[in-house]
């Protein structure tokens, strides 16, 4: 099960709207969640660094725009490392010839957001938005059972999907 708050981000423990018209909170099974989000993720025009969640312990998987990193509680050195990855351009999708806007970083490459050097160095997998959305969906499909208490959708121009 997953609770999707598509247009909400928590900053310093308080809800912050990230879209003019806020869509309602909804609790979905994994298949319905993926049906709901995959198309929207594929249409997101911004840049994304997405960290594969730890299927054993994560309870939240959420997108944070770079300008919200500090208020969302990311450590300054982690925020800086992610911002440098977001600034990288010129890559092509590993699956097709389109411009890559997603950098998928696996758990094997970066196990925790505290591993700042690994965030800097991880090759990751460069993907277009469509293949990035598919990669995220594939990661969720591999999780046998989880209760995700909070997930949102991307907003703004560039940010990261992180987990806790």
N, C-alpha and C. Protein backbone atom coordinates (compact mmCIF):
# COMPACT_ATOMS: atom_id res chain seq x y z
N UNK A 1 0.84 -1.18 0.00
CA UNK A 1 0.00 0.00 0.00
C UNK A 1 0.88 1.24 0.00
N UNK A 2 0.36 2.29 -0.59
CA UNK A 2 1.08 3.56 -0.64
C UNK A 2 0.09 4.71 -0.56
N UNK A 3 0.49 5.73 0.17
CA UNK A 3 -0.31 6.95 0.25
C UNK A 3 0.34 7.98 -0.65
N UNK A 4 -0.40 8.40 -1.66
CA UNK A 4 0.08 9.38 -2.63
C UNK A 4 -0.53 10.73 -2.31
N UNK A 5 0.35 11.69 -2.05
CA UNK A 5 -0.04 13.09 -1.90
C UNK A 5 0.64 13.80 -3.07
N UNK A 6 0.01 13.80 -4.24
CA UNK A 6 0.72 14.19 -5.46
C UNK A 6 1.35 15.57 -5.44
N UNK A 7 0.75 16.52 -4.76
CA UNK A 7 1.20 17.91 -4.85
C UNK A 7 1.64 18.48 -3.51
N UNK A 8 2.07 17.62 -2.62
CA UNK A 8 2.43 18.04 -1.27
C UNK A 8 3.86 17.63 -0.94
N UNK A 9 4.57 18.53 -0.30
CA UNK A 9 5.90 18.26 0.21
C UNK A 9 5.90 18.66 1.68
N UNK A 10 6.62 17.92 2.49
CA UNK A 10 6.74 18.29 3.90
C UNK A 10 8.05 19.05 4.10
N UNK A 11 7.93 20.27 4.57
CA UNK A 11 9.08 21.13 4.86
C UNK A 11 9.04 21.48 6.34
N UNK A 12 10.10 21.10 7.02
CA UNK A 12 10.18 21.31 8.48
C UNK A 12 8.94 20.76 9.19
N UNK A 13 8.48 19.61 8.72
CA UNK A 13 7.36 18.91 9.35
C UNK A 13 5.99 19.44 8.99
N UNK A 14 5.89 20.43 8.12
CA UNK A 14 4.59 21.00 7.76
C UNK A 14 4.33 20.79 6.28
N UNK A 15 3.06 20.56 5.97
CA UNK A 15 2.66 20.39 4.57
C UNK A 15 2.87 21.68 3.80
N UNK A 16 3.44 21.53 2.61
CA UNK A 16 3.63 22.67 1.71
C UNK A 16 3.09 22.29 0.34
N UNK A 17 2.17 23.07 -0.17
CA UNK A 17 1.61 22.80 -1.49
C UNK A 17 2.62 23.15 -2.56
N UNK A 18 2.72 22.31 -3.57
CA UNK A 18 3.66 22.54 -4.66
C UNK A 18 2.97 22.65 -6.00
N UNK A 19 1.68 22.94 -5.96
CA UNK A 19 0.88 23.13 -7.16
C UNK A 19 -0.31 23.99 -6.78
N UNK A 20 -0.76 24.82 -7.70
CA UNK A 20 -1.88 25.72 -7.43
C UNK A 20 -3.13 24.99 -6.97
N UNK A 21 -3.54 24.00 -7.73
CA UNK A 21 -4.69 23.18 -7.38
C UNK A 21 -4.15 21.85 -6.86
N UNK A 22 -4.38 21.59 -5.59
CA UNK A 22 -3.83 20.39 -4.96
C UNK A 22 -4.79 19.22 -5.15
N UNK A 23 -4.26 18.16 -5.73
CA UNK A 23 -5.05 16.95 -5.89
C UNK A 23 -5.15 16.23 -4.55
N UNK A 24 -6.22 15.47 -4.34
CA UNK A 24 -6.43 14.84 -3.03
C UNK A 24 -5.45 13.71 -2.74
N UNK A 25 -5.27 13.47 -1.45
CA UNK A 25 -4.49 12.33 -0.96
C UNK A 25 -5.27 11.06 -1.27
N UNK A 26 -4.55 10.01 -1.64
CA UNK A 26 -5.21 8.75 -1.95
C UNK A 26 -4.29 7.60 -1.53
N UNK A 27 -4.88 6.53 -1.02
CA UNK A 27 -4.13 5.33 -0.66
C UNK A 27 -4.42 4.27 -1.72
N UNK A 28 -3.34 3.70 -2.26
CA UNK A 28 -3.45 2.79 -3.40
C UNK A 28 -2.63 1.53 -3.18
N UNK A 29 -3.03 0.46 -3.84
CA UNK A 29 -2.17 -0.72 -3.91
C UNK A 29 -1.04 -0.41 -4.88
N UNK A 30 -0.01 -1.24 -4.90
CA UNK A 30 1.15 -0.97 -5.75
C UNK A 30 0.76 -0.84 -7.23
N UNK A 31 -0.05 -1.76 -7.74
CA UNK A 31 -0.40 -1.71 -9.15
C UNK A 31 -1.16 -0.42 -9.49
N UNK A 32 -2.09 -0.04 -8.64
CA UNK A 32 -2.85 1.20 -8.89
C UNK A 32 -1.95 2.43 -8.75
N UNK A 33 -1.02 2.38 -7.79
CA UNK A 33 -0.07 3.48 -7.64
C UNK A 33 0.72 3.66 -8.93
N UNK A 34 1.27 2.57 -9.45
CA UNK A 34 2.09 2.65 -10.65
C UNK A 34 1.26 3.10 -11.85
N UNK A 35 0.02 2.62 -11.96
CA UNK A 35 -0.86 3.07 -13.03
C UNK A 35 -1.12 4.57 -12.93
N UNK A 36 -1.20 5.07 -11.71
CA UNK A 36 -1.50 6.48 -11.48
C UNK A 36 -0.31 7.38 -11.75
N UNK A 37 0.88 6.96 -11.36
CA UNK A 37 2.03 7.87 -11.43
C UNK A 37 2.91 7.72 -12.66
N UNK A 38 2.95 6.55 -13.27
CA UNK A 38 3.95 6.32 -14.32
C UNK A 38 3.82 7.31 -15.48
N UNK A 39 2.62 7.58 -15.94
CA UNK A 39 2.43 8.52 -17.05
C UNK A 39 2.85 9.93 -16.68
N UNK A 40 2.52 10.35 -15.48
CA UNK A 40 2.89 11.69 -15.05
C UNK A 40 4.41 11.83 -14.89
N UNK A 41 5.05 10.80 -14.36
CA UNK A 41 6.51 10.82 -14.25
C UNK A 41 7.16 10.91 -15.63
N UNK A 42 6.61 10.16 -16.59
CA UNK A 42 7.16 10.15 -17.94
C UNK A 42 7.00 11.50 -18.64
N UNK A 43 6.03 12.29 -18.22
CA UNK A 43 5.78 13.60 -18.83
C UNK A 43 6.50 14.74 -18.12
N UNK A 44 7.15 14.46 -17.00
CA UNK A 44 7.84 15.52 -16.25
C UNK A 44 9.03 16.00 -17.06
N UNK A 45 9.09 17.30 -17.33
CA UNK A 45 10.14 17.88 -18.17
C UNK A 45 11.41 18.25 -17.42
N UNK A 46 11.36 18.22 -16.09
CA UNK A 46 12.51 18.62 -15.30
C UNK A 46 13.56 17.52 -15.18
N UNK A 47 14.63 17.87 -14.47
CA UNK A 47 15.73 16.92 -14.23
C UNK A 47 15.50 16.22 -12.89
N UNK A 48 15.87 14.95 -12.85
CA UNK A 48 15.63 14.13 -11.66
C UNK A 48 16.86 13.29 -11.35
N UNK A 49 17.27 13.30 -10.09
CA UNK A 49 18.19 12.29 -9.57
C UNK A 49 17.32 11.42 -8.67
N UNK A 50 17.20 10.15 -9.02
CA UNK A 50 16.32 9.24 -8.27
C UNK A 50 17.16 8.16 -7.60
N UNK A 51 17.04 8.07 -6.29
CA UNK A 51 17.75 7.07 -5.51
C UNK A 51 16.82 5.87 -5.29
N UNK A 52 17.30 4.69 -5.67
CA UNK A 52 16.51 3.48 -5.47
C UNK A 52 16.27 3.29 -3.97
N UNK A 53 15.01 3.09 -3.56
CA UNK A 53 14.74 2.94 -2.13
C UNK A 53 15.18 1.58 -1.60
N UNK A 54 15.47 1.54 -0.31
CA UNK A 54 15.79 0.29 0.37
C UNK A 54 14.48 -0.41 0.69
N UNK A 55 14.19 -1.48 -0.02
CA UNK A 55 12.89 -2.15 0.09
C UNK A 55 12.63 -2.71 1.49
N UNK A 56 13.67 -2.91 2.27
CA UNK A 56 13.51 -3.48 3.61
C UNK A 56 13.05 -2.46 4.65
N UNK A 57 13.40 -1.19 4.45
CA UNK A 57 13.15 -0.24 5.54
C UNK A 57 12.47 1.07 5.14
N UNK A 58 12.32 1.37 3.85
CA UNK A 58 11.78 2.69 3.52
C UNK A 58 10.29 2.78 3.82
N UNK A 59 9.86 3.95 4.25
CA UNK A 59 8.44 4.22 4.51
C UNK A 59 7.95 5.44 3.74
N UNK A 60 8.90 6.22 3.20
CA UNK A 60 8.55 7.40 2.43
C UNK A 60 9.47 7.48 1.21
N UNK A 61 8.89 7.88 0.08
CA UNK A 61 9.67 8.07 -1.14
C UNK A 61 9.12 9.34 -1.77
N UNK A 62 9.92 10.39 -1.75
CA UNK A 62 9.35 11.67 -2.15
C UNK A 62 10.33 12.50 -2.97
N UNK A 63 9.75 13.38 -3.80
CA UNK A 63 10.52 14.26 -4.65
C UNK A 63 10.69 15.60 -3.95
N UNK A 64 11.91 16.12 -4.00
CA UNK A 64 12.24 17.43 -3.43
C UNK A 64 12.96 18.24 -4.49
N UNK A 65 12.41 19.40 -4.84
CA UNK A 65 13.09 20.29 -5.78
C UNK A 65 14.34 20.84 -5.10
N UNK A 66 15.37 21.10 -5.89
CA UNK A 66 16.65 21.56 -5.35
C UNK A 66 16.50 22.77 -4.43
N UNK A 67 15.62 23.70 -4.76
CA UNK A 67 15.45 24.89 -3.93
C UNK A 67 14.85 24.57 -2.56
N UNK A 68 14.29 23.37 -2.40
CA UNK A 68 13.68 22.96 -1.13
C UNK A 68 14.55 22.00 -0.33
N UNK A 69 15.75 21.68 -0.81
CA UNK A 69 16.60 20.69 -0.14
C UNK A 69 16.80 21.01 1.34
N UNK A 70 17.19 22.24 1.65
CA UNK A 70 17.47 22.60 3.05
C UNK A 70 16.22 22.48 3.91
N UNK A 71 15.12 23.06 3.44
CA UNK A 71 13.88 23.04 4.22
C UNK A 71 13.32 21.63 4.38
N UNK A 72 13.65 20.74 3.44
CA UNK A 72 13.19 19.35 3.54
C UNK A 72 14.08 18.52 4.46
N UNK A 73 15.20 19.10 4.90
CA UNK A 73 16.05 18.42 5.87
C UNK A 73 17.25 17.70 5.30
N UNK A 74 17.57 17.91 4.01
CA UNK A 74 18.78 17.28 3.47
C UNK A 74 20.01 17.97 4.05
N UNK A 75 20.99 17.19 4.42
CA UNK A 75 22.25 17.73 4.92
C UNK A 75 22.88 18.58 3.83
N UNK A 76 23.53 19.69 4.19
CA UNK A 76 24.13 20.58 3.17
C UNK A 76 25.08 19.87 2.21
N UNK A 77 25.92 18.96 2.71
CA UNK A 77 26.85 18.27 1.83
C UNK A 77 26.13 17.30 0.88
N UNK A 78 25.04 16.70 1.34
CA UNK A 78 24.23 15.84 0.48
C UNK A 78 23.54 16.67 -0.58
N UNK A 79 22.97 17.78 -0.17
CA UNK A 79 22.29 18.68 -1.11
C UNK A 79 23.26 19.16 -2.19
N UNK A 80 24.45 19.53 -1.79
CA UNK A 80 25.45 20.00 -2.74
C UNK A 80 25.83 18.91 -3.74
N UNK A 81 25.99 17.69 -3.26
CA UNK A 81 26.35 16.58 -4.15
C UNK A 81 25.23 16.31 -5.16
N UNK A 82 24.00 16.34 -4.71
CA UNK A 82 22.87 16.10 -5.61
C UNK A 82 22.76 17.25 -6.62
N UNK A 83 22.96 18.49 -6.16
CA UNK A 83 22.89 19.64 -7.07
C UNK A 83 23.93 19.52 -8.17
N UNK A 84 25.11 19.04 -7.85
CA UNK A 84 26.15 18.85 -8.88
C UNK A 84 25.72 17.79 -9.89
N UNK A 85 25.06 16.74 -9.42
CA UNK A 85 24.57 15.71 -10.34
C UNK A 85 23.45 16.27 -11.22
N UNK A 86 22.60 17.10 -10.65
CA UNK A 86 21.52 17.72 -11.42
C UNK A 86 22.05 18.65 -12.51
N UNK A 87 23.21 19.23 -12.27
CA UNK A 87 23.79 20.18 -13.23
C UNK A 87 24.45 19.47 -14.42
N UNK A 88 24.67 18.17 -14.31
CA UNK A 88 25.28 17.44 -15.42
C UNK A 88 24.31 17.38 -16.59
N UNK A 89 24.80 17.63 -17.79
CA UNK A 89 23.97 17.59 -18.99
C UNK A 89 24.71 16.90 -20.12
N UNK A 90 24.02 16.71 -21.21
CA UNK A 90 24.65 16.16 -22.40
C UNK A 90 24.60 14.65 -22.50
N UNK A 91 24.00 14.00 -21.53
CA UNK A 91 23.92 12.55 -21.55
C UNK A 91 22.72 12.10 -22.40
N UNK A 92 22.83 10.91 -22.96
CA UNK A 92 21.74 10.30 -23.71
C UNK A 92 21.17 9.15 -22.89
N UNK A 93 19.92 8.86 -23.12
CA UNK A 93 19.24 7.77 -22.43
C UNK A 93 19.92 6.44 -22.74
N UNK A 94 20.09 5.62 -21.72
CA UNK A 94 20.70 4.31 -21.87
C UNK A 94 19.81 3.36 -22.67
N UNK A 95 18.53 3.68 -22.80
CA UNK A 95 17.58 2.81 -23.49
C UNK A 95 17.22 3.29 -24.90
N UNK A 96 17.38 4.57 -25.16
CA UNK A 96 17.01 5.14 -26.46
C UNK A 96 17.94 6.31 -26.75
N UNK A 97 17.71 7.02 -27.79
CA UNK A 97 18.63 8.10 -28.17
C UNK A 97 18.19 9.47 -27.65
N UNK A 98 17.10 9.52 -26.90
CA UNK A 98 16.62 10.81 -26.41
C UNK A 98 17.54 11.37 -25.32
N UNK A 99 17.39 12.67 -25.10
CA UNK A 99 18.16 13.35 -24.06
C UNK A 99 17.77 12.80 -22.69
N UNK A 100 18.77 12.51 -21.89
CA UNK A 100 18.54 11.99 -20.54
C UNK A 100 18.25 13.14 -19.58
N UNK A 101 17.17 13.00 -18.83
CA UNK A 101 16.83 13.99 -17.80
C UNK A 101 16.79 13.35 -16.41
N UNK A 102 16.86 12.04 -16.35
CA UNK A 102 16.86 11.30 -15.10
C UNK A 102 18.22 10.65 -14.90
N UNK A 103 18.68 10.66 -13.66
CA UNK A 103 19.83 9.87 -13.27
C UNK A 103 19.35 8.91 -12.18
N UNK A 104 19.25 7.63 -12.52
CA UNK A 104 18.83 6.60 -11.57
C UNK A 104 20.07 6.08 -10.86
N UNK A 105 20.07 6.14 -9.54
CA UNK A 105 21.20 5.65 -8.75
C UNK A 105 20.73 4.47 -7.92
N UNK A 106 21.32 3.31 -8.19
CA UNK A 106 20.90 2.07 -7.53
C UNK A 106 21.38 2.02 -6.08
N UNK A 107 20.78 1.11 -5.32
CA UNK A 107 21.17 0.89 -3.93
C UNK A 107 22.61 0.37 -3.85
N UNK A 108 23.04 -0.38 -4.85
CA UNK A 108 24.41 -0.90 -4.84
C UNK A 108 25.41 0.24 -4.97
N UNK A 109 25.04 1.29 -5.68
CA UNK A 109 25.94 2.43 -5.88
C UNK A 109 25.93 3.39 -4.70
N UNK A 110 24.75 3.67 -4.19
CA UNK A 110 24.60 4.57 -3.04
C UNK A 110 23.55 3.96 -2.11
N UNK A 111 24.01 3.49 -0.96
CA UNK A 111 23.12 2.82 -0.02
C UNK A 111 22.41 3.78 0.92
N UNK A 112 22.95 4.98 1.06
CA UNK A 112 22.39 5.96 2.01
C UNK A 112 22.74 7.36 1.53
N UNK A 113 21.87 8.30 1.81
CA UNK A 113 22.15 9.70 1.44
C UNK A 113 23.31 10.28 2.24
N UNK A 114 23.77 9.58 3.24
CA UNK A 114 24.94 10.01 4.01
C UNK A 114 26.24 9.72 3.26
N UNK A 115 26.19 8.92 2.22
CA UNK A 115 27.38 8.54 1.45
C UNK A 115 27.64 9.58 0.35
N UNK A 116 28.04 10.76 0.78
CA UNK A 116 28.19 11.91 -0.11
C UNK A 116 29.19 11.64 -1.23
N UNK A 117 30.33 11.05 -0.92
CA UNK A 117 31.33 10.77 -1.96
C UNK A 117 30.77 9.83 -3.01
N UNK A 118 29.99 8.86 -2.59
CA UNK A 118 29.39 7.93 -3.54
C UNK A 118 28.36 8.64 -4.43
N UNK A 119 27.64 9.61 -3.87
CA UNK A 119 26.70 10.39 -4.68
C UNK A 119 27.46 11.12 -5.78
N UNK A 120 28.62 11.69 -5.43
CA UNK A 120 29.46 12.38 -6.41
C UNK A 120 29.95 11.43 -7.49
N UNK A 121 30.35 10.22 -7.10
CA UNK A 121 31.06 9.30 -8.00
C UNK A 121 30.21 8.26 -8.71
N UNK A 122 29.03 7.96 -8.20
CA UNK A 122 28.22 6.89 -8.76
C UNK A 122 27.91 7.15 -10.23
N UNK A 123 28.18 6.18 -11.09
CA UNK A 123 27.88 6.39 -12.51
C UNK A 123 26.38 6.51 -12.75
N UNK A 124 25.59 5.76 -11.98
CA UNK A 124 24.15 5.79 -12.18
C UNK A 124 23.78 5.33 -13.57
N UNK A 125 22.53 5.49 -13.89
CA UNK A 125 22.02 5.15 -15.21
C UNK A 125 21.25 6.34 -15.73
N UNK A 126 21.72 6.91 -16.84
CA UNK A 126 21.08 8.09 -17.43
C UNK A 126 19.91 7.62 -18.29
N UNK A 127 18.75 8.25 -18.06
CA UNK A 127 17.52 7.84 -18.73
C UNK A 127 16.70 9.06 -19.14
N UNK A 128 15.92 8.91 -20.20
CA UNK A 128 14.93 9.94 -20.54
C UNK A 128 13.80 9.81 -19.52
N UNK A 129 12.87 10.76 -19.53
CA UNK A 129 11.79 10.74 -18.54
C UNK A 129 10.95 9.46 -18.64
N UNK A 130 10.67 9.03 -19.85
CA UNK A 130 9.86 7.82 -20.02
C UNK A 130 10.56 6.60 -19.42
N UNK A 131 11.83 6.42 -19.73
CA UNK A 131 12.55 5.26 -19.21
C UNK A 131 12.89 5.43 -17.73
N UNK A 132 13.03 6.66 -17.25
CA UNK A 132 13.20 6.90 -15.82
C UNK A 132 11.96 6.47 -15.05
N UNK A 133 10.79 6.82 -15.58
CA UNK A 133 9.52 6.42 -14.95
C UNK A 133 9.40 4.90 -14.93
N UNK A 134 9.80 4.27 -16.03
CA UNK A 134 9.75 2.80 -16.09
C UNK A 134 10.72 2.17 -15.09
N UNK A 135 11.89 2.78 -14.91
CA UNK A 135 12.88 2.26 -13.97
C UNK A 135 12.34 2.33 -12.54
N UNK A 136 11.74 3.46 -12.20
CA UNK A 136 11.14 3.61 -10.87
C UNK A 136 10.03 2.59 -10.68
N UNK A 137 9.16 2.43 -11.67
CA UNK A 137 8.08 1.46 -11.58
C UNK A 137 8.63 0.04 -11.41
N UNK A 138 9.67 -0.28 -12.15
CA UNK A 138 10.29 -1.60 -12.05
C UNK A 138 10.85 -1.85 -10.65
N UNK A 139 11.46 -0.82 -10.07
CA UNK A 139 11.99 -0.96 -8.70
C UNK A 139 10.86 -1.24 -7.71
N UNK A 140 9.74 -0.56 -7.87
CA UNK A 140 8.61 -0.78 -6.97
C UNK A 140 8.00 -2.17 -7.19
N UNK A 141 7.97 -2.63 -8.44
CA UNK A 141 7.41 -3.96 -8.73
C UNK A 141 8.23 -5.07 -8.10
N UNK A 142 9.51 -4.84 -7.85
CA UNK A 142 10.38 -5.85 -7.24
C UNK A 142 10.18 -5.95 -5.73
N UNK A 143 9.49 -5.01 -5.16
CA UNK A 143 9.27 -5.00 -3.71
C UNK A 143 8.06 -5.87 -3.39
N UNK A 144 8.31 -6.94 -2.65
CA UNK A 144 7.24 -7.89 -2.36
C UNK A 144 6.14 -7.28 -1.51
N UNK A 145 6.53 -6.49 -0.50
CA UNK A 145 5.55 -5.92 0.40
C UNK A 145 6.13 -4.68 1.05
N UNK A 146 5.34 -3.62 1.07
CA UNK A 146 5.78 -2.37 1.71
C UNK A 146 4.58 -1.52 2.05
N UNK A 147 4.74 -0.72 3.06
CA UNK A 147 3.76 0.30 3.40
C UNK A 147 4.45 1.65 3.23
N UNK A 148 4.09 2.36 2.18
CA UNK A 148 4.67 3.66 1.90
C UNK A 148 3.68 4.69 2.42
N UNK A 149 4.10 5.39 3.47
CA UNK A 149 3.20 6.34 4.12
C UNK A 149 3.13 7.67 3.40
N UNK A 150 4.07 7.91 2.49
CA UNK A 150 4.08 9.20 1.81
C UNK A 150 4.89 9.13 0.52
N UNK A 151 4.25 9.54 -0.56
CA UNK A 151 4.92 9.69 -1.85
C UNK A 151 4.26 10.88 -2.53
N UNK A 152 5.06 11.66 -3.25
CA UNK A 152 4.52 12.77 -4.03
C UNK A 152 5.02 12.66 -5.46
N UNK A 153 4.68 13.65 -6.27
CA UNK A 153 5.10 13.67 -7.67
C UNK A 153 6.03 14.85 -7.89
N UNK A 154 6.87 14.77 -8.93
CA UNK A 154 7.83 15.86 -9.19
C UNK A 154 7.14 17.19 -9.48
N UNK A 155 7.85 18.25 -9.16
CA UNK A 155 7.39 19.62 -9.40
C UNK A 155 8.63 20.45 -9.70
N UNK A 156 8.45 21.64 -10.19
CA UNK A 156 9.58 22.54 -10.42
C UNK A 156 10.44 22.12 -11.60
N UNK A 157 11.72 22.51 -11.55
CA UNK A 157 12.61 22.27 -12.68
C UNK A 157 13.61 21.15 -12.48
N UNK A 158 14.03 20.92 -11.24
CA UNK A 158 15.04 19.88 -10.99
C UNK A 158 15.04 19.53 -9.51
N UNK A 159 15.20 18.23 -9.24
CA UNK A 159 15.25 17.79 -7.86
C UNK A 159 15.57 16.32 -7.76
N UNK A 160 15.29 15.76 -6.61
CA UNK A 160 15.68 14.36 -6.35
C UNK A 160 14.53 13.60 -5.70
N UNK A 161 14.44 12.32 -6.06
CA UNK A 161 13.58 11.38 -5.35
C UNK A 161 14.46 10.72 -4.30
N UNK A 162 14.09 10.88 -3.05
CA UNK A 162 14.82 10.32 -1.93
C UNK A 162 13.90 9.46 -1.09
N UNK A 163 14.48 8.66 -0.22
CA UNK A 163 13.67 7.79 0.62
C UNK A 163 14.12 7.88 2.08
N UNK A 164 13.20 7.64 2.96
CA UNK A 164 13.52 7.48 4.37
C UNK A 164 12.67 6.34 4.92
